[in-house]
Amino acid sequence: MALVPYTVTMARGWESKSVEEQQAAATAPHELKKLLTAEEKALRQQLEALQLSRKRILQQLEAAQNPRHRQVLENALADLDSRLARLV
């Protein structure tokens, strides 16, 4: 009994559907970027940067054991939260 590769038994059209979905997903962000004004782009970048910083602080907070370091991280987290609240 010969082994048949998986791709040979795959349904016809599967690959083209996948490619079509990938192309649609790739063009969607570009269309959205074109619709945003410079101010909206800057706001989005600020939000993303703050969210990324917040995520990093939370990760550090989970690992922190020194009470002083934890306090500094908690203060930084509170500052990030207030900045995020002002932007949203």
N, C-alpha and C. Protein backbone atom coordinates (compact mmCIF):
# COMPACT_ATOMS: atom_id res chain seq x y z
N MET A 1 0.85 -1.18 0.00
CA MET A 1 0.00 0.00 0.00
C MET A 1 0.90 1.24 0.00
N ALA A 2 0.75 2.07 -0.99
CA ALA A 2 1.56 3.28 -1.12
C ALA A 2 0.93 4.41 -0.32
N LEU A 3 1.79 5.20 0.31
CA LEU A 3 1.30 6.36 1.06
C LEU A 3 1.05 7.52 0.10
N VAL A 4 -0.06 8.17 0.24
CA VAL A 4 -0.42 9.30 -0.61
C VAL A 4 -0.17 10.58 0.20
N PRO A 5 0.58 11.52 -0.35
CA PRO A 5 0.82 12.76 0.38
C PRO A 5 -0.50 13.46 0.72
N TYR A 6 -0.51 14.15 1.81
CA TYR A 6 -1.71 14.84 2.28
C TYR A 6 -2.24 15.84 1.27
N THR A 7 -1.34 16.56 0.65
CA THR A 7 -1.78 17.61 -0.28
C THR A 7 -2.48 17.06 -1.50
N VAL A 8 -2.21 15.82 -1.86
CA VAL A 8 -2.86 15.23 -3.01
C VAL A 8 -4.33 14.97 -2.71
N THR A 9 -4.63 14.59 -1.46
CA THR A 9 -6.00 14.26 -1.10
C THR A 9 -6.80 15.47 -0.63
N MET A 10 -6.20 16.63 -0.60
CA MET A 10 -6.89 17.83 -0.14
C MET A 10 -7.95 18.24 -1.16
N ALA A 11 -9.04 18.77 -0.68
CA ALA A 11 -10.14 19.19 -1.55
C ALA A 11 -9.68 20.25 -2.53
N ARG A 12 -10.19 20.18 -3.72
CA ARG A 12 -9.86 21.14 -4.75
C ARG A 12 -10.42 22.52 -4.37
N GLY A 13 -9.66 23.54 -4.61
CA GLY A 13 -10.11 24.89 -4.30
C GLY A 13 -9.67 25.38 -2.94
N TRP A 14 -9.20 24.49 -2.09
CA TRP A 14 -8.80 24.88 -0.73
C TRP A 14 -7.66 25.89 -0.78
N GLU A 15 -6.66 25.62 -1.60
CA GLU A 15 -5.50 26.49 -1.67
C GLU A 15 -5.88 27.87 -2.20
N SER A 16 -6.73 27.93 -3.21
CA SER A 16 -7.11 29.22 -3.77
C SER A 16 -7.92 30.04 -2.77
N LYS A 17 -8.76 29.37 -1.97
CA LYS A 17 -9.53 30.09 -0.96
C LYS A 17 -8.60 30.67 0.08
N SER A 18 -7.60 29.92 0.49
CA SER A 18 -6.65 30.39 1.47
C SER A 18 -5.88 31.60 0.94
N VAL A 19 -5.44 31.53 -0.29
CA VAL A 19 -4.71 32.63 -0.90
C VAL A 19 -5.61 33.86 -0.99
N GLU A 20 -6.86 33.65 -1.36
CA GLU A 20 -7.81 34.74 -1.47
C GLU A 20 -8.02 35.43 -0.12
N GLU A 21 -8.15 34.64 0.93
CA GLU A 21 -8.32 35.20 2.28
C GLU A 21 -7.08 35.97 2.71
N GLN A 22 -5.90 35.44 2.41
CA GLN A 22 -4.66 36.12 2.77
C GLN A 22 -4.53 37.45 2.04
N GLN A 23 -4.90 37.46 0.78
CA GLN A 23 -4.82 38.71 0.01
C GLN A 23 -5.80 39.74 0.55
N ALA A 24 -6.99 39.30 0.91
CA ALA A 24 -7.98 40.23 1.47
C ALA A 24 -7.50 40.79 2.80
N ALA A 25 -6.91 39.94 3.61
CA ALA A 25 -6.40 40.39 4.91
C ALA A 25 -5.22 41.34 4.74
N ALA A 26 -4.41 41.11 3.73
CA ALA A 26 -3.25 41.96 3.52
C ALA A 26 -3.65 43.35 3.03
N THR A 27 -4.70 43.45 2.25
CA THR A 27 -5.10 44.76 1.72
C THR A 27 -5.96 45.54 2.71
N ALA A 28 -6.62 44.88 3.62
CA ALA A 28 -7.51 45.57 4.56
C ALA A 28 -6.78 46.61 5.40
N PRO A 29 -5.64 46.32 6.02
CA PRO A 29 -4.97 47.35 6.82
C PRO A 29 -4.54 48.55 5.98
N HIS A 30 -4.14 48.31 4.73
CA HIS A 30 -3.71 49.41 3.88
C HIS A 30 -4.88 50.34 3.57
N GLU A 31 -6.04 49.78 3.34
CA GLU A 31 -7.22 50.60 3.06
C GLU A 31 -7.59 51.42 4.28
N LEU A 32 -7.47 50.82 5.46
CA LEU A 32 -7.79 51.53 6.69
C LEU A 32 -6.80 52.67 6.93
N LYS A 33 -5.53 52.42 6.66
CA LYS A 33 -4.53 53.46 6.86
C LYS A 33 -4.77 54.65 5.94
N LYS A 34 -5.23 54.39 4.74
CA LYS A 34 -5.49 55.48 3.80
C LYS A 34 -6.64 56.36 4.26
N LEU A 35 -7.58 55.79 4.99
CA LEU A 35 -8.75 56.53 5.43
C LEU A 35 -8.48 57.38 6.67
N LEU A 36 -7.41 57.09 7.38
CA LEU A 36 -7.11 57.82 8.60
C LEU A 36 -6.36 59.11 8.29
N THR A 37 -6.70 60.15 9.02
CA THR A 37 -5.97 61.41 8.88
C THR A 37 -4.65 61.28 9.63
N ALA A 38 -3.79 62.24 9.44
CA ALA A 38 -2.49 62.23 10.12
C ALA A 38 -2.68 62.27 11.64
N GLU A 39 -3.66 63.04 12.08
CA GLU A 39 -3.94 63.14 13.51
C GLU A 39 -4.43 61.81 14.08
N GLU A 40 -5.30 61.14 13.32
CA GLU A 40 -5.81 59.85 13.76
C GLU A 40 -4.71 58.79 13.79
N LYS A 41 -3.81 58.85 12.83
CA LYS A 41 -2.68 57.92 12.82
C LYS A 41 -1.79 58.14 14.04
N ALA A 42 -1.54 59.40 14.36
CA ALA A 42 -0.70 59.71 15.51
C ALA A 42 -1.36 59.22 16.80
N LEU A 43 -2.66 59.43 16.91
CA LEU A 43 -3.39 58.97 18.09
C LEU A 43 -3.33 57.45 18.20
N ARG A 44 -3.50 56.77 17.08
CA ARG A 44 -3.44 55.30 17.08
C ARG A 44 -2.05 54.81 17.50
N GLN A 45 -1.02 55.47 17.00
CA GLN A 45 0.34 55.09 17.37
C GLN A 45 0.59 55.30 18.86
N GLN A 46 0.08 56.42 19.39
CA GLN A 46 0.22 56.68 20.83
C GLN A 46 -0.47 55.60 21.64
N LEU A 47 -1.68 55.27 21.24
CA LEU A 47 -2.43 54.24 21.95
C LEU A 47 -1.70 52.90 21.93
N GLU A 48 -1.19 52.52 20.76
CA GLU A 48 -0.48 51.26 20.65
C GLU A 48 0.78 51.25 21.50
N ALA A 49 1.50 52.38 21.52
CA ALA A 49 2.73 52.47 22.32
C ALA A 49 2.40 52.37 23.81
N LEU A 50 1.34 53.05 24.24
CA LEU A 50 0.96 53.00 25.65
C LEU A 50 0.48 51.61 26.05
N GLN A 51 -0.27 50.96 25.17
CA GLN A 51 -0.75 49.61 25.46
C GLN A 51 0.41 48.62 25.54
N LEU A 52 1.38 48.80 24.67
CA LEU A 52 2.56 47.93 24.70
C LEU A 52 3.36 48.15 25.98
N SER A 53 3.52 49.40 26.37
CA SER A 53 4.22 49.72 27.62
C SER A 53 3.48 49.14 28.82
N ARG A 54 2.16 49.25 28.79
CA ARG A 54 1.35 48.71 29.89
C ARG A 54 1.52 47.19 30.00
N LYS A 55 1.55 46.54 28.87
CA LYS A 55 1.73 45.08 28.86
C LYS A 55 3.10 44.70 29.44
N ARG A 56 4.13 45.45 29.04
CA ARG A 56 5.48 45.19 29.55
C ARG A 56 5.56 45.42 31.06
N ILE A 57 4.93 46.49 31.54
CA ILE A 57 4.93 46.79 32.98
C ILE A 57 4.22 45.67 33.74
N LEU A 58 3.10 45.20 33.22
CA LEU A 58 2.37 44.11 33.88
C LEU A 58 3.22 42.85 33.96
N GLN A 59 3.96 42.54 32.90
CA GLN A 59 4.84 41.38 32.92
C GLN A 59 5.94 41.54 33.97
N GLN A 60 6.50 42.73 34.04
CA GLN A 60 7.55 42.99 35.03
C GLN A 60 6.98 42.93 36.44
N LEU A 61 5.76 43.41 36.60
CA LEU A 61 5.12 43.41 37.90
C LEU A 61 4.88 41.98 38.40
N GLU A 62 4.54 41.09 37.51
CA GLU A 62 4.33 39.69 37.89
C GLU A 62 5.62 39.07 38.42
N ALA A 63 6.76 39.48 37.87
CA ALA A 63 8.03 38.88 38.24
C ALA A 63 8.72 39.62 39.39
N ALA A 64 8.30 40.84 39.66
CA ALA A 64 8.98 41.66 40.67
C ALA A 64 8.75 41.12 42.08
N GLN A 65 9.84 41.09 42.84
CA GLN A 65 9.74 40.62 44.22
C GLN A 65 10.13 41.69 45.23
N ASN A 66 10.95 42.63 44.80
CA ASN A 66 11.37 43.71 45.68
C ASN A 66 10.21 44.69 45.84
N PRO A 67 9.81 44.98 47.09
CA PRO A 67 8.66 45.88 47.31
C PRO A 67 8.85 47.27 46.69
N ARG A 68 10.06 47.79 46.73
CA ARG A 68 10.30 49.12 46.14
C ARG A 68 10.13 49.07 44.62
N HIS A 69 10.66 48.03 44.02
CA HIS A 69 10.52 47.89 42.57
C HIS A 69 9.05 47.72 42.19
N ARG A 70 8.32 46.93 42.98
CA ARG A 70 6.88 46.75 42.72
C ARG A 70 6.15 48.09 42.80
N GLN A 71 6.53 48.92 43.78
CA GLN A 71 5.88 50.22 43.94
C GLN A 71 6.14 51.12 42.74
N VAL A 72 7.38 51.10 42.25
CA VAL A 72 7.72 51.90 41.06
C VAL A 72 6.90 51.42 39.86
N LEU A 73 6.80 50.10 39.71
CA LEU A 73 6.03 49.55 38.59
C LEU A 73 4.54 49.87 38.73
N GLU A 74 4.02 49.81 39.94
CA GLU A 74 2.60 50.14 40.16
C GLU A 74 2.33 51.61 39.85
N ASN A 75 3.29 52.48 40.22
CA ASN A 75 3.15 53.90 39.90
C ASN A 75 3.18 54.12 38.38
N ALA A 76 4.07 53.41 37.71
CA ALA A 76 4.16 53.53 36.25
C ALA A 76 2.88 53.02 35.60
N LEU A 77 2.34 51.94 36.13
CA LEU A 77 1.09 51.39 35.60
C LEU A 77 -0.06 52.37 35.79
N ALA A 78 -0.13 53.00 36.95
CA ALA A 78 -1.19 53.98 37.20
C ALA A 78 -1.06 55.17 36.24
N ASP A 79 0.18 55.60 35.99
CA ASP A 79 0.41 56.70 35.06
C ASP A 79 -0.02 56.32 33.65
N LEU A 80 0.34 55.12 33.23
CA LEU A 80 -0.05 54.65 31.90
C LEU A 80 -1.57 54.56 31.78
N ASP A 81 -2.22 54.06 32.82
CA ASP A 81 -3.68 53.95 32.79
C ASP A 81 -4.34 55.32 32.67
N SER A 82 -3.81 56.29 33.39
CA SER A 82 -4.40 57.64 33.30
C SER A 82 -4.17 58.26 31.93
N ARG A 83 -2.99 58.02 31.35
CA ARG A 83 -2.70 58.52 30.00
C ARG A 83 -3.59 57.85 28.96
N LEU A 84 -3.80 56.57 29.13
CA LEU A 84 -4.70 55.85 28.22
C LEU A 84 -6.13 56.36 28.33
N ALA A 85 -6.57 56.64 29.55
CA ALA A 85 -7.93 57.13 29.76
C ALA A 85 -8.12 58.50 29.11
N ARG A 86 -7.09 59.34 29.13
CA ARG A 86 -7.20 60.66 28.52
C ARG A 86 -7.28 60.57 27.00
N LEU A 87 -6.60 59.57 26.41
CA LEU A 87 -6.59 59.44 24.96
C LEU A 87 -7.87 58.81 24.41
N VAL A 88 -8.49 57.98 25.21
CA VAL A 88 -9.66 57.25 24.72
C VAL A 88 -10.92 58.04 24.91
